[in-house]
Amino acid sequence: MKSGHYIGVMSGTSLDGIDVLLAVVYEHRVAQQASYSWPMPI
């Protein structure tokens, strides 16, 4: 994988919320920089 900043977004199988993650990849290391969860109204 190339070095850089990556954003991941996932809703999950139950669709109860959206999770977002910012990660930094450098050589063979991955570090989480920030994350957030938004609950979905039912």
N, C-alpha and C. Protein backbone atom coordinates (compact mmCIF):
# COMPACT_ATOMS: atom_id res chain seq x y z
N MET A 1 0.85 -1.17 0.00
CA MET A 1 0.00 0.00 0.00
C MET A 1 0.90 1.24 0.00
N LYS A 2 0.50 2.25 -0.73
CA LYS A 2 1.26 3.50 -0.78
C LYS A 2 1.13 4.27 0.53
N SER A 3 2.16 5.00 0.88
CA SER A 3 2.11 5.86 2.06
C SER A 3 1.14 7.00 1.79
N GLY A 4 0.44 7.43 2.83
CA GLY A 4 -0.49 8.55 2.67
C GLY A 4 -1.58 8.51 3.73
N HIS A 5 -2.53 9.41 3.57
CA HIS A 5 -3.69 9.49 4.46
C HIS A 5 -4.86 8.80 3.77
N TYR A 6 -5.61 8.01 4.55
CA TYR A 6 -6.74 7.27 4.01
C TYR A 6 -7.95 7.47 4.91
N ILE A 7 -9.13 7.54 4.28
CA ILE A 7 -10.39 7.67 5.01
C ILE A 7 -11.22 6.43 4.73
N GLY A 8 -11.72 5.82 5.81
CA GLY A 8 -12.61 4.66 5.68
C GLY A 8 -13.98 5.01 6.22
N VAL A 9 -15.02 4.54 5.51
CA VAL A 9 -16.41 4.78 5.93
C VAL A 9 -17.13 3.44 5.92
N MET A 10 -17.89 3.16 7.00
CA MET A 10 -18.60 1.89 7.10
C MET A 10 -19.95 2.12 7.77
N SER A 11 -20.99 1.48 7.24
CA SER A 11 -22.31 1.60 7.85
C SER A 11 -22.65 0.36 8.67
N GLY A 12 -21.95 -0.73 8.48
CA GLY A 12 -22.26 -1.96 9.20
C GLY A 12 -23.46 -2.66 8.60
N THR A 13 -23.72 -3.86 9.06
CA THR A 13 -24.82 -4.64 8.50
C THR A 13 -26.17 -4.28 9.11
N SER A 14 -26.17 -3.70 10.30
CA SER A 14 -27.45 -3.36 10.95
C SER A 14 -27.91 -1.94 10.60
N LEU A 15 -27.08 -1.16 9.91
CA LEU A 15 -27.40 0.22 9.52
C LEU A 15 -27.83 1.08 10.71
N ASP A 16 -27.18 0.88 11.87
CA ASP A 16 -27.51 1.66 13.06
C ASP A 16 -26.67 2.91 13.19
N GLY A 17 -25.70 3.10 12.31
CA GLY A 17 -24.86 4.28 12.35
C GLY A 17 -23.81 4.24 11.25
N ILE A 18 -23.07 5.33 11.15
CA ILE A 18 -21.98 5.43 10.18
C ILE A 18 -20.69 5.69 10.94
N ASP A 19 -19.67 4.90 10.67
CA ASP A 19 -18.36 5.08 11.31
C ASP A 19 -17.37 5.58 10.27
N VAL A 20 -16.56 6.57 10.67
CA VAL A 20 -15.56 7.16 9.78
C VAL A 20 -14.21 7.12 10.49
N LEU A 21 -13.16 6.79 9.75
CA LEU A 21 -11.81 6.68 10.31
C LEU A 21 -10.81 7.37 9.39
N LEU A 22 -9.90 8.12 9.98
CA LEU A 22 -8.77 8.69 9.25
C LEU A 22 -7.51 7.97 9.71
N ALA A 23 -6.79 7.37 8.78
CA ALA A 23 -5.57 6.63 9.10
C ALA A 23 -4.41 7.13 8.26
N VAL A 24 -3.21 7.03 8.82
CA VAL A 24 -2.00 7.38 8.11
C VAL A 24 -1.20 6.10 7.90
N VAL A 25 -0.79 5.86 6.65
CA VAL A 25 0.03 4.70 6.31
C VAL A 25 1.41 5.21 5.96
N TYR A 26 2.43 4.66 6.63
CA TYR A 26 3.81 5.04 6.35
C TYR A 26 4.64 3.77 6.35
N GLU A 27 5.22 3.46 5.21
CA GLU A 27 5.96 2.22 5.01
C GLU A 27 5.06 1.04 5.35
N HIS A 28 5.32 0.29 6.42
CA HIS A 28 4.49 -0.86 6.78
C HIS A 28 3.75 -0.62 8.09
N ARG A 29 3.51 0.65 8.42
CA ARG A 29 2.82 0.99 9.66
C ARG A 29 1.52 1.73 9.36
N VAL A 30 0.52 1.47 10.19
CA VAL A 30 -0.77 2.16 10.08
C VAL A 30 -1.07 2.79 11.43
N ALA A 31 -1.42 4.06 11.44
CA ALA A 31 -1.77 4.76 12.68
C ALA A 31 -3.12 5.45 12.52
N GLN A 32 -3.99 5.23 13.48
CA GLN A 32 -5.29 5.90 13.48
C GLN A 32 -5.09 7.35 13.91
N GLN A 33 -5.60 8.30 13.15
CA GLN A 33 -5.47 9.71 13.49
C GLN A 33 -6.75 10.26 14.11
N ALA A 34 -7.90 9.80 13.63
CA ALA A 34 -9.18 10.29 14.15
C ALA A 34 -10.27 9.30 13.77
N SER A 35 -11.34 9.30 14.55
CA SER A 35 -12.50 8.48 14.22
C SER A 35 -13.75 9.15 14.77
N TYR A 36 -14.89 8.82 14.16
CA TYR A 36 -16.15 9.39 14.59
C TYR A 36 -17.28 8.44 14.22
N SER A 37 -18.31 8.40 15.05
CA SER A 37 -19.50 7.58 14.77
C SER A 37 -20.74 8.48 14.81
N TRP A 38 -21.58 8.36 13.78
CA TRP A 38 -22.86 9.07 13.73
C TRP A 38 -23.96 8.04 13.85
N PRO A 39 -24.79 8.10 14.91
CA PRO A 39 -25.90 7.17 15.01
C PRO A 39 -26.99 7.54 14.00
N MET A 40 -27.64 6.52 13.45
CA MET A 40 -28.74 6.72 12.51
C MET A 40 -30.04 6.63 13.29
N PRO A 41 -30.94 7.59 13.11
CA PRO A 41 -32.24 7.50 13.82
C PRO A 41 -33.05 6.31 13.29
N ILE A 42 -33.73 5.67 14.20
CA ILE A 42 -34.53 4.50 13.81
C ILE A 42 -35.97 4.90 13.63
